[in-house]
Amino acid sequence: MALIRFVNPVYLEAGARLRLDEEARALGFRKPLVITDRGVRAAGVLDMALEGLGGWPLALYDGTPGNPTEAAVREAWQHWRDEGCDGLIAIGGGSSIDLAKGLALRATHEGPLHHYATIEGGSGRIGPQALPLIAVPTTAGTGSEVARGSLLITDDGRKLGFHSWHLLPRLALCDPVLTQALPPGLTAATGMDALAHCLETFMSAAFNPVADGIALEGLRRGWGAIERAVRQGDDLDARLQMMCASAMGAMAFQKGLGCVHSLSHAIGGLHPKAHHGTLNAVFLPAVLRFNASHPSLQAEAKLARMAQAMGLADAAPEALAEALRQRTQDLALPTRLSDMGLDVSDAGLIIERALKDHCHGTNPREASAEDYMELLRDCA
């Protein structure tokens, strides 16, 4: 029987950011460290997010890289310690929130970071002393604000998952107003990340019917809104629907993901500038075709249910895969690795890491090294 656990307190509405003051006080914060990135700060989104915080003494770390690293965690930890901070507020995309989770762990646990990675058996080593964190997302993609996991590139170049309910933000303030300034390309790439979470979770054979229901509804909302959000960035309803899809995908993926994310994590560690959501969009059609024949998808009519959520009449694997590829293309995102400036010359190392990734084991159809090679060739 699956453990089904939902979720931290979440405010999901226009104006949610204005609750920041009262919620930080409720958690006992006196001087929090705000973790963000320079893009969010330069765009004025950080100032918007902090409108709900009064005359607090704040410290700021804005050095979050596109794919958060152990080195950045150390840098943020040094800042947190030097400033005498007592809590964390992450304002930004999944990278800032994941970095904050890494700091929540690093500041309160001894030993090297990789000691706490999921694939190293580290989840049980993460304790309740992890720093309290409030998450204020400014993108609609990773859903890290409602997830127990953090993805970090460790010093040895691996992109590893760290999973514990002790890393779950104490509170999420999901305000779609904060996503209206997100450029079309990032809106598309982060949006496809949210859809990938919904699709991969729903395809997984693990038993969690609650997660299945949430994933399917997240897919319906996200598929119907992503083009509007990209083409009409100020459409607040479209932004709200995408924020719903993002949070729902992450609430659901406690069930497990699959080969799309195994490959994306492996490549992300080797090529830190490759956008995670874009990688997911590239791999989705090929992995869907690979999974389509698995008995669990057939027995539960999952292809037909996904097609219905996407408003498609044809539930054949090729039709679904082509719809995903076409949507990616229509959003002006790359549809192949070569379009991202990537090749598969390091396929051996990609496959080695994908096979060890924490998402590999929950793909509905078991993937061998040869299967991963074929998927890479299909997406090259």
Protein backbone atom coordinates (compact mmCIF):
# COMPACT_ATOMS: atom_id res chain seq x y z
CA MET A 1 0.00 0.00 0.00
CA ALA A 2 1.39 3.39 -0.96
CA LEU A 3 1.99 6.11 1.59
CA ILE A 4 -0.30 8.94 0.49
CA ARG A 5 0.58 12.23 2.10
CA PHE A 6 -0.75 15.65 1.09
CA VAL A 7 0.62 18.36 1.70
CA ASN A 8 1.91 21.62 3.28
CA PRO A 9 -0.36 24.66 3.69
CA VAL A 10 -0.74 26.29 0.27
CA TYR A 11 -2.32 29.61 -0.61
CA LEU A 12 -3.15 29.59 -4.32
CA GLU A 13 -4.65 32.90 -5.40
CA ALA A 14 -3.88 36.32 -6.80
CA GLY A 15 -2.51 38.29 -3.85
CA ALA A 16 -1.21 35.25 -1.93
CA ARG A 17 2.17 37.00 -1.61
CA LEU A 18 0.56 39.61 0.68
CA ARG A 19 0.25 36.96 3.40
CA LEU A 20 4.03 36.74 3.77
CA ASP A 21 4.30 38.99 6.82
CA GLU A 22 1.72 37.20 8.97
CA GLU A 23 2.96 33.76 7.95
CA ALA A 24 6.62 34.56 8.64
CA ARG A 25 5.65 35.86 12.07
CA ALA A 26 3.61 32.70 12.73
CA LEU A 27 6.73 30.63 12.07
CA GLY A 28 8.71 32.76 14.51
CA PHE A 29 11.07 34.28 11.97
CA ARG A 30 13.07 37.28 13.17
CA LYS A 31 15.65 37.67 10.40
CA PRO A 32 15.08 35.37 7.42
CA LEU A 33 17.44 34.90 4.51
CA VAL A 34 15.70 35.55 1.19
CA ILE A 35 17.00 33.25 -1.55
CA THR A 36 16.39 34.27 -5.15
CA ASP A 37 18.25 34.79 -8.43
CA ARG A 38 19.49 37.90 -10.20
CA GLY A 39 16.91 37.65 -12.97
CA VAL A 40 13.98 37.69 -10.55
CA ARG A 41 15.57 40.62 -8.74
CA ALA A 42 16.31 42.61 -11.91
CA ALA A 43 12.78 42.09 -13.26
CA GLY A 44 11.28 43.68 -10.15
CA VAL A 45 9.49 40.46 -9.20
CA LEU A 46 11.43 40.20 -5.94
CA ASP A 47 10.14 43.60 -4.85
CA MET A 48 6.59 42.55 -5.75
CA ALA A 49 6.93 39.36 -3.72
CA LEU A 50 8.22 41.27 -0.70
CA GLU A 51 5.29 43.72 -0.74
CA GLY A 52 3.66 41.54 1.87
CA LEU A 53 6.62 41.80 4.23
CA GLY A 54 6.80 44.86 6.47
CA GLY A 55 9.92 46.53 7.81
CA TRP A 56 11.70 43.30 8.56
CA PRO A 57 15.47 42.97 8.85
CA LEU A 58 16.30 40.83 5.83
CA ALA A 59 19.39 39.24 4.37
CA LEU A 60 19.49 38.48 0.65
CA TYR A 61 21.22 35.85 -1.45
CA ASP A 62 20.61 36.24 -5.20
CA GLY A 63 23.31 33.95 -6.58
CA THR A 64 21.08 30.96 -7.45
CA PRO A 65 22.29 29.38 -10.72
CA GLY A 66 19.94 27.94 -13.34
CA ASN A 67 20.68 24.45 -12.04
CA PRO A 68 21.46 24.80 -8.30
CA THR A 69 24.81 23.43 -7.19
CA GLU A 70 26.44 22.31 -3.99
CA ALA A 71 28.87 25.22 -4.36
CA ALA A 72 25.94 27.68 -4.37
CA VAL A 73 24.48 25.96 -1.30
CA ARG A 74 27.79 26.52 0.52
CA GLU A 75 27.88 30.16 -0.55
CA ALA A 76 24.30 30.74 0.63
CA TRP A 77 25.04 28.92 3.90
CA GLN A 78 28.01 31.22 4.55
CA HIS A 79 25.74 34.22 3.95
CA TRP A 80 23.05 32.80 6.25
CA ARG A 81 25.58 32.21 9.02
CA ASP A 82 27.35 35.57 8.68
CA GLU A 83 24.03 37.46 8.75
CA GLY A 84 22.71 35.58 11.78
CA CYS A 85 19.54 34.39 10.03
CA ASP A 86 16.95 32.08 11.56
CA GLY A 87 14.70 31.06 8.64
CA LEU A 88 14.46 30.93 4.87
CA ILE A 89 12.20 32.53 2.27
CA ALA A 90 12.71 31.30 -1.30
CA ILE A 91 11.39 33.62 -4.01
CA GLY A 92 11.88 32.36 -7.55
CA GLY A 93 11.61 29.29 -9.69
CA GLY A 94 12.37 25.73 -8.74
CA SER A 95 16.09 26.45 -8.69
CA SER A 96 15.80 29.00 -5.88
CA ILE A 97 13.42 26.79 -3.89
CA ASP A 98 15.63 23.72 -4.36
CA LEU A 99 18.70 25.72 -3.34
CA ALA A 100 16.87 26.86 -0.21
CA LYS A 101 16.05 23.24 0.61
CA GLY A 102 19.72 22.38 0.15
CA LEU A 103 20.62 25.14 2.60
CA ALA A 104 17.94 23.98 5.05
CA LEU A 105 19.74 20.64 5.02
CA ARG A 106 23.35 21.89 4.91
CA ALA A 107 22.95 24.31 7.81
CA THR A 108 21.63 21.66 10.19
CA HIS A 109 23.29 18.37 9.21
CA GLU A 110 26.89 17.18 9.43
CA GLY A 111 28.92 15.63 6.65
CA PRO A 112 29.03 15.95 2.86
CA LEU A 113 25.83 16.77 1.01
CA HIS A 114 25.82 13.59 -1.10
CA HIS A 115 25.54 11.58 2.13
CA TYR A 116 21.85 12.64 2.20
CA ALA A 117 21.03 11.90 -1.46
CA THR A 118 18.18 9.49 -2.10
CA ILE A 119 20.23 7.10 -4.23
CA GLU A 120 22.86 6.99 -1.46
CA GLY A 121 20.21 5.88 1.03
CA GLY A 122 20.27 9.31 2.61
CA SER A 123 16.59 10.15 2.97
CA GLY A 124 16.36 8.59 6.42
CA ARG A 125 19.36 10.62 7.57
CA ILE A 126 17.51 13.92 7.09
CA GLY A 127 15.98 15.02 10.37
CA PRO A 128 13.38 17.50 11.61
CA GLN A 129 16.07 20.04 12.49
CA ALA A 130 16.12 21.22 8.85
CA LEU A 131 15.59 24.98 8.68
CA PRO A 132 12.01 26.23 8.22
CA LEU A 133 11.29 27.50 4.71
CA ILE A 134 8.55 29.57 3.09
CA ALA A 135 8.35 29.11 -0.70
CA VAL A 136 7.06 31.84 -3.02
CA PRO A 137 7.24 30.51 -6.61
CA THR A 138 7.62 32.94 -9.52
CA THR A 139 7.33 30.25 -12.22
CA ALA A 140 4.77 27.53 -12.87
CA GLY A 141 6.81 24.43 -13.56
CA THR A 142 8.70 22.43 -10.94
CA GLY A 143 6.14 22.63 -8.15
CA SER A 144 9.03 22.52 -5.68
CA GLU A 145 6.98 24.65 -3.30
CA VAL A 146 4.75 21.65 -2.51
CA ALA A 147 7.34 18.87 -2.93
CA ARG A 148 9.55 17.09 -0.45
CA GLY A 149 12.49 16.85 -2.88
CA SER A 150 15.38 19.00 -4.02
CA LEU A 151 17.56 18.47 -7.11
CA LEU A 152 21.14 19.65 -6.71
CA ILE A 153 24.34 19.20 -8.72
CA THR A 154 26.91 17.93 -6.23
CA ASP A 155 30.62 18.67 -6.37
CA ASP A 156 31.28 15.44 -8.30
CA GLY A 157 29.02 16.59 -11.17
CA ARG A 158 26.02 14.37 -10.43
CA LYS A 159 22.51 15.83 -10.36
CA LEU A 160 21.06 14.12 -7.30
CA GLY A 161 17.69 14.09 -5.61
CA PHE A 162 17.31 14.76 -1.89
CA HIS A 163 13.93 13.65 -0.53
CA SER A 164 12.45 14.04 2.91
CA TRP A 165 9.23 15.39 4.34
CA HIS A 166 11.49 17.47 6.59
CA LEU A 167 12.55 19.44 3.48
CA LEU A 168 8.98 20.27 2.50
CA PRO A 169 8.41 24.05 2.78
CA ARG A 170 6.39 24.91 5.85
CA LEU A 171 4.19 27.08 3.63
CA ALA A 172 3.71 27.89 -0.05
CA LEU A 173 2.39 31.24 -1.28
CA CYS A 174 1.42 30.65 -4.91
CA ASP A 175 0.50 33.98 -6.49
CA PRO A 176 -0.03 33.89 -10.28
CA VAL A 177 0.58 37.66 -10.42
CA LEU A 178 4.27 36.92 -9.82
CA THR A 179 4.44 34.83 -13.01
CA GLN A 180 2.99 37.47 -15.36
CA ALA A 181 6.42 38.98 -16.05
CA LEU A 182 7.93 35.61 -17.01
CA PRO A 183 9.14 35.73 -20.65
CA PRO A 184 7.38 33.49 -23.21
CA GLY A 185 10.31 31.07 -23.57
CA LEU A 186 10.58 30.43 -19.84
CA THR A 187 6.80 30.26 -19.51
CA ALA A 188 6.80 27.53 -22.17
CA ALA A 189 9.76 25.58 -20.78
CA THR A 190 8.58 25.65 -17.17
CA GLY A 191 5.03 24.87 -18.29
CA MET A 192 6.18 21.78 -20.15
CA ASP A 193 7.97 20.70 -16.98
CA ALA A 194 4.62 20.84 -15.14
CA LEU A 195 2.94 18.80 -17.88
CA ALA A 196 5.78 16.27 -17.79
CA HIS A 197 5.22 15.78 -14.06
CA CYS A 198 1.51 15.15 -14.59
CA LEU A 199 2.05 12.77 -17.52
CA GLU A 200 4.91 10.75 -16.03
CA THR A 201 3.21 10.43 -12.66
CA PHE A 202 0.01 9.22 -14.28
CA MET A 203 1.89 6.66 -16.42
CA SER A 204 3.81 5.24 -13.45
CA ALA A 205 2.59 1.79 -12.40
CA ALA A 206 3.00 2.54 -8.69
CA PHE A 207 -0.25 2.38 -6.74
CA ASN A 208 -1.46 5.80 -5.65
CA PRO A 209 -4.95 6.54 -7.01
CA VAL A 210 -5.08 9.92 -5.28
CA ALA A 211 -1.94 11.01 -7.10
CA ASP A 212 -3.39 9.71 -10.37
CA GLY A 213 -6.49 11.86 -9.97
CA ILE A 214 -4.48 14.96 -9.14
CA ALA A 215 -2.08 14.39 -12.03
CA LEU A 216 -4.88 13.93 -14.54
CA GLU A 217 -6.65 17.13 -13.45
CA GLY A 218 -3.33 19.00 -13.49
CA LEU A 219 -2.76 17.79 -17.04
CA ARG A 220 -6.21 19.00 -18.10
CA ARG A 221 -5.66 22.45 -16.64
CA GLY A 222 -2.11 22.82 -17.90
CA TRP A 223 -2.74 21.53 -21.42
CA GLY A 224 -5.66 23.92 -21.82
CA ALA A 225 -3.80 26.99 -20.52
CA ILE A 226 -0.16 26.75 -21.57
CA GLU A 227 -0.52 28.35 -25.01
CA ARG A 228 -2.53 31.26 -23.59
CA ALA A 229 0.03 31.79 -20.83
CA VAL A 230 2.86 31.85 -23.39
CA ARG A 231 1.17 34.09 -25.95
CA GLN A 232 -0.73 36.38 -23.55
CA GLY A 233 1.52 36.69 -20.55
CA ASP A 234 -0.83 39.03 -18.69
CA ASP A 235 -3.75 36.56 -18.87
CA LEU A 236 -4.20 36.04 -15.13
CA ASP A 237 -6.55 33.07 -15.51
CA ALA A 238 -4.05 31.25 -17.76
CA ARG A 239 -1.31 31.99 -15.24
CA LEU A 240 -3.49 30.67 -12.41
CA GLN A 241 -4.27 27.47 -14.32
CA MET A 242 -0.57 26.89 -14.99
CA MET A 243 0.25 27.47 -11.33
CA CYS A 244 -2.43 24.88 -10.48
CA ALA A 245 -0.91 22.42 -12.96
CA SER A 246 2.55 22.99 -11.52
CA ALA A 247 1.48 22.45 -7.91
CA MET A 248 -0.71 19.47 -8.81
CA GLY A 249 2.06 17.78 -10.78
CA ALA A 250 4.39 18.06 -7.80
CA MET A 251 1.76 16.97 -5.29
CA ALA A 252 1.26 13.90 -7.44
CA PHE A 253 4.85 12.96 -8.23
CA GLN A 254 5.44 11.59 -4.76
CA LYS A 255 4.09 8.52 -6.58
CA GLY A 256 7.20 8.48 -8.77
CA LEU A 257 8.29 9.66 -12.21
CA GLY A 258 10.20 7.76 -14.91
CA CYS A 259 12.61 7.71 -17.82
CA VAL A 260 11.93 11.29 -18.92
CA HIS A 261 13.30 12.59 -15.64
CA SER A 262 16.03 9.96 -15.35
CA LEU A 263 17.47 11.18 -18.64
CA SER A 264 16.90 14.87 -17.89
CA HIS A 265 18.64 14.58 -14.52
CA ALA A 266 21.58 12.72 -16.06
CA ILE A 267 22.05 15.29 -18.82
CA GLY A 268 21.47 18.21 -16.43
CA GLY A 269 24.40 17.12 -14.29
CA LEU A 270 26.69 16.92 -17.32
CA HIS A 271 25.35 20.06 -19.02
CA PRO A 272 24.22 22.44 -16.25
CA LYS A 273 23.03 25.12 -18.70
CA ALA A 274 20.49 22.77 -20.30
CA HIS A 275 17.01 23.76 -19.10
CA HIS A 276 15.32 20.92 -17.24
CA GLY A 277 11.80 21.61 -18.49
CA THR A 278 13.00 21.80 -22.09
CA LEU A 279 14.79 18.47 -21.73
CA ASN A 280 11.58 16.94 -20.40
CA ALA A 281 9.64 18.27 -23.38
CA VAL A 282 12.18 16.72 -25.76
CA PHE A 283 12.01 13.29 -24.11
CA LEU A 284 8.27 13.07 -23.47
CA PRO A 285 7.11 11.79 -26.91
CA ALA A 286 9.75 9.05 -27.12
CA VAL A 287 9.18 7.85 -23.55
CA LEU A 288 5.42 7.83 -24.03
CA ARG A 289 5.83 5.56 -27.06
CA PHE A 290 8.23 3.36 -25.08
CA ASN A 291 5.77 3.03 -22.18
CA ALA A 292 2.59 2.63 -24.23
CA SER A 293 2.63 -1.17 -24.46
CA HIS A 294 3.03 -1.74 -20.72
CA PRO A 295 0.13 -3.78 -19.26
CA SER A 296 -0.64 -1.22 -16.57
CA LEU A 297 -1.32 1.49 -19.15
CA GLN A 298 -3.51 -0.87 -21.14
CA ALA A 299 -5.43 -2.28 -18.16
CA GLU A 300 -6.34 1.13 -16.78
CA ALA A 301 -6.97 2.76 -20.18
CA LYS A 302 -4.42 5.39 -19.29
CA LEU A 303 -3.75 6.48 -22.85
CA ALA A 304 -7.45 7.16 -23.41
CA ARG A 305 -7.73 9.05 -20.13
CA MET A 306 -4.70 11.20 -20.98
CA ALA A 307 -6.12 11.89 -24.43
CA GLN A 308 -9.43 12.95 -22.90
CA ALA A 309 -7.68 15.33 -20.49
CA MET A 310 -5.78 16.81 -23.44
CA GLY A 311 -8.94 17.17 -25.54
CA LEU A 312 -7.73 14.69 -28.15
CA ALA A 313 -9.98 12.30 -30.04
CA ASP A 314 -7.23 9.79 -30.88
CA ALA A 315 -5.62 7.92 -27.98
CA ALA A 316 -3.17 5.94 -30.11
CA PRO A 317 0.42 6.21 -28.80
CA GLU A 318 1.64 7.89 -31.98
CA ALA A 319 -1.17 10.43 -31.85
CA LEU A 320 -0.40 11.34 -28.25
CA ALA A 321 3.34 11.50 -28.90
CA GLU A 322 2.80 13.68 -31.97
CA ALA A 323 0.47 16.00 -30.02
CA LEU A 324 3.22 16.50 -27.44
CA ARG A 325 5.86 17.10 -30.09
CA GLN A 326 3.61 19.53 -31.97
CA ARG A 327 2.72 21.44 -28.81
CA THR A 328 6.41 21.76 -27.96
CA GLN A 329 7.14 23.04 -31.46
CA ASP A 330 4.19 25.45 -31.37
CA LEU A 331 5.58 26.92 -28.16
CA ALA A 332 8.87 27.62 -29.99
CA LEU A 333 10.78 25.13 -27.84
CA PRO A 334 13.38 22.66 -29.14
CA THR A 335 12.01 19.26 -30.07
CA ARG A 336 15.39 17.49 -30.33
CA LEU A 337 18.60 17.46 -28.30
CA SER A 338 20.51 18.83 -31.27
CA ASP A 339 18.21 21.87 -31.22
CA MET A 340 19.52 22.51 -27.70
CA GLY A 341 23.14 22.22 -28.84
CA LEU A 342 23.48 18.78 -27.25
CA ASP A 343 24.65 15.50 -28.73
CA VAL A 344 24.87 11.96 -27.40
CA SER A 345 28.65 11.58 -27.59
CA ASP A 346 28.61 11.09 -23.80
CA ALA A 347 25.73 8.60 -24.03
CA GLY A 348 27.54 5.99 -21.95
CA LEU A 349 27.80 8.28 -18.93
CA ILE A 350 24.25 9.61 -19.44
CA ILE A 351 22.89 6.07 -19.43
CA GLU A 352 24.98 5.03 -16.42
CA ARG A 353 23.55 7.92 -14.42
CA ALA A 354 20.00 7.46 -15.71
CA LEU A 355 20.02 3.83 -14.56
CA LYS A 356 20.98 4.97 -11.04
CA ASP A 357 18.59 7.92 -10.91
CA HIS A 358 15.85 7.89 -8.27
CA CYS A 359 13.18 8.20 -11.00
CA HIS A 360 14.35 5.15 -12.97
CA GLY A 361 12.65 2.54 -10.79
CA THR A 362 9.13 3.97 -11.05
CA ASN A 363 8.92 4.05 -14.84
CA PRO A 364 6.09 1.65 -15.75
CA ARG A 365 8.23 -0.29 -18.22
CA GLU A 366 11.68 -1.31 -17.03
CA ALA A 367 14.33 0.37 -19.17
CA SER A 368 17.65 -1.29 -19.92
CA ALA A 369 20.86 0.40 -21.01
CA GLU A 370 19.95 -0.51 -24.58
CA ASP A 371 16.51 1.03 -24.17
CA TYR A 372 18.02 4.27 -22.91
CA MET A 373 20.40 4.31 -25.86
CA GLU A 374 17.47 3.96 -28.23
CA LEU A 375 15.61 6.76 -26.49
CA LEU A 376 18.65 9.02 -26.80
CA ARG A 377 19.01 8.19 -30.49
CA ASP A 378 15.31 8.84 -31.03
CA CYS A 379 15.65 12.30 -29.46
CA ALA A 380 19.05 13.25 -30.87
